[in-house]
């Protein structure tokens, strides 16, 4: 049997982190997810990192900026202040 060229820990951690980023549609910090995966590896190393990422993603609260009501007055004020809308 050939010798493994990739160590299991980095492979598991990166799979976890990339799957989490994929689930978040790219709106996640890869560096913090790699650190989180490194902390989770000793506990879940025998489990599929993709399933662990999905479970962790589902338990993570939705960011507040994704819950904005686009018809609210706050949203309209924020849109009015964006640079592309300024009249110069």
Protein backbone atom coordinates (compact mmCIF):
# COMPACT_ATOMS: atom_id res chain seq x y z
CA UNK A 1 0.00 0.00 0.00
CA UNK A 2 1.40 3.45 -0.90
CA UNK A 3 2.34 5.82 1.85
CA UNK A 4 0.01 8.80 2.43
CA UNK A 5 1.45 12.06 1.19
CA UNK A 6 -1.09 14.27 2.98
CA UNK A 7 -1.28 14.23 6.73
CA UNK A 8 -4.82 13.52 7.98
CA UNK A 9 -5.11 16.55 10.29
CA UNK A 10 -4.50 19.33 7.72
CA UNK A 11 -6.64 17.48 5.18
CA UNK A 12 -9.57 17.17 7.63
CA UNK A 13 -9.24 20.78 8.82
CA UNK A 14 -9.12 22.24 5.30
CA UNK A 15 -12.06 20.12 4.15
CA UNK A 16 -14.06 21.37 7.13
CA UNK A 17 -13.11 25.02 6.49
CA UNK A 18 -13.77 24.95 2.74
CA UNK A 19 -17.13 23.23 3.17
CA UNK A 20 -18.16 25.84 5.76
CA UNK A 21 -17.19 28.66 3.36
CA UNK A 22 -19.13 26.91 0.61
CA UNK A 23 -22.22 26.66 2.81
CA UNK A 24 -21.90 30.38 3.65
CA UNK A 25 -21.69 31.29 -0.06
CA UNK A 26 -18.20 32.67 0.49
CA UNK A 27 -19.25 34.98 3.33
CA UNK A 28 -16.98 33.46 5.98
CA UNK A 29 -13.47 34.04 7.30
CA UNK A 30 -11.33 31.11 6.16
CA UNK A 31 -8.59 31.75 8.72
CA UNK A 32 -10.96 31.58 11.70
CA UNK A 33 -12.58 28.46 10.24
CA UNK A 34 -9.19 26.77 9.91
CA UNK A 35 -8.52 27.54 13.58
CA UNK A 36 -11.99 26.24 14.51
CA UNK A 37 -11.41 23.08 12.47
CA UNK A 38 -8.09 22.60 14.23
CA UNK A 39 -9.88 22.75 17.59
CA UNK A 40 -12.61 20.35 16.44
CA UNK A 41 -10.27 17.79 14.88
CA UNK A 42 -9.32 15.98 18.11
CA UNK A 43 -13.01 15.54 18.96
CA UNK A 44 -14.36 14.56 15.53
CA UNK A 45 -11.37 13.18 13.59
CA UNK A 46 -13.12 9.89 12.83
CA UNK A 47 -16.20 11.65 11.41
CA UNK A 48 -16.74 13.19 8.00
CA UNK A 49 -15.55 16.85 8.11
CA UNK A 50 -18.26 17.83 5.59
CA UNK A 51 -21.00 16.58 7.93
CA UNK A 52 -19.36 18.32 10.89
CA UNK A 53 -19.17 21.59 8.89
CA UNK A 54 -22.86 21.31 7.98
CA UNK A 55 -23.84 20.66 11.60
CA UNK A 56 -21.72 23.58 12.82
CA UNK A 57 -23.05 25.88 10.07
CA UNK A 58 -26.65 25.10 11.00
CA UNK A 59 -25.93 25.95 14.66
CA UNK A 60 -24.32 29.29 13.79
CA UNK A 61 -26.70 32.27 14.03
CA UNK A 62 -27.48 34.11 10.79
CA UNK A 63 -25.50 37.37 10.57
CA UNK A 64 -27.60 40.44 11.32
CA UNK A 65 -26.82 42.09 7.97
CA UNK A 66 -28.64 39.28 6.19
CA UNK A 67 -31.84 39.93 8.13
CA UNK A 68 -32.38 43.49 6.90
CA UNK A 69 -35.84 44.30 5.58
CA UNK A 70 -35.21 46.03 2.25
CA UNK A 71 -38.37 48.14 2.53
CA UNK A 72 -37.47 49.56 5.94
CA UNK A 73 -36.62 53.26 6.40
CA UNK A 74 -33.18 52.26 7.77
CA UNK A 75 -32.41 50.41 4.56
CA UNK A 76 -33.48 53.39 2.45
CA UNK A 77 -31.26 55.77 4.46
CA UNK A 78 -28.31 53.40 4.14
CA UNK A 79 -28.82 53.10 0.38
CA UNK A 80 -29.04 56.90 0.01
CA UNK A 81 -25.62 57.28 1.65
CA UNK A 82 -23.79 54.92 -0.71
CA UNK A 83 -21.16 56.62 -2.92
CA UNK A 84 -22.67 55.65 -6.27
CA UNK A 85 -25.85 57.52 -5.31
CA UNK A 86 -24.14 60.81 -4.46
CA UNK A 87 -24.93 63.61 -6.99
CA UNK A 88 -21.42 64.70 -8.09
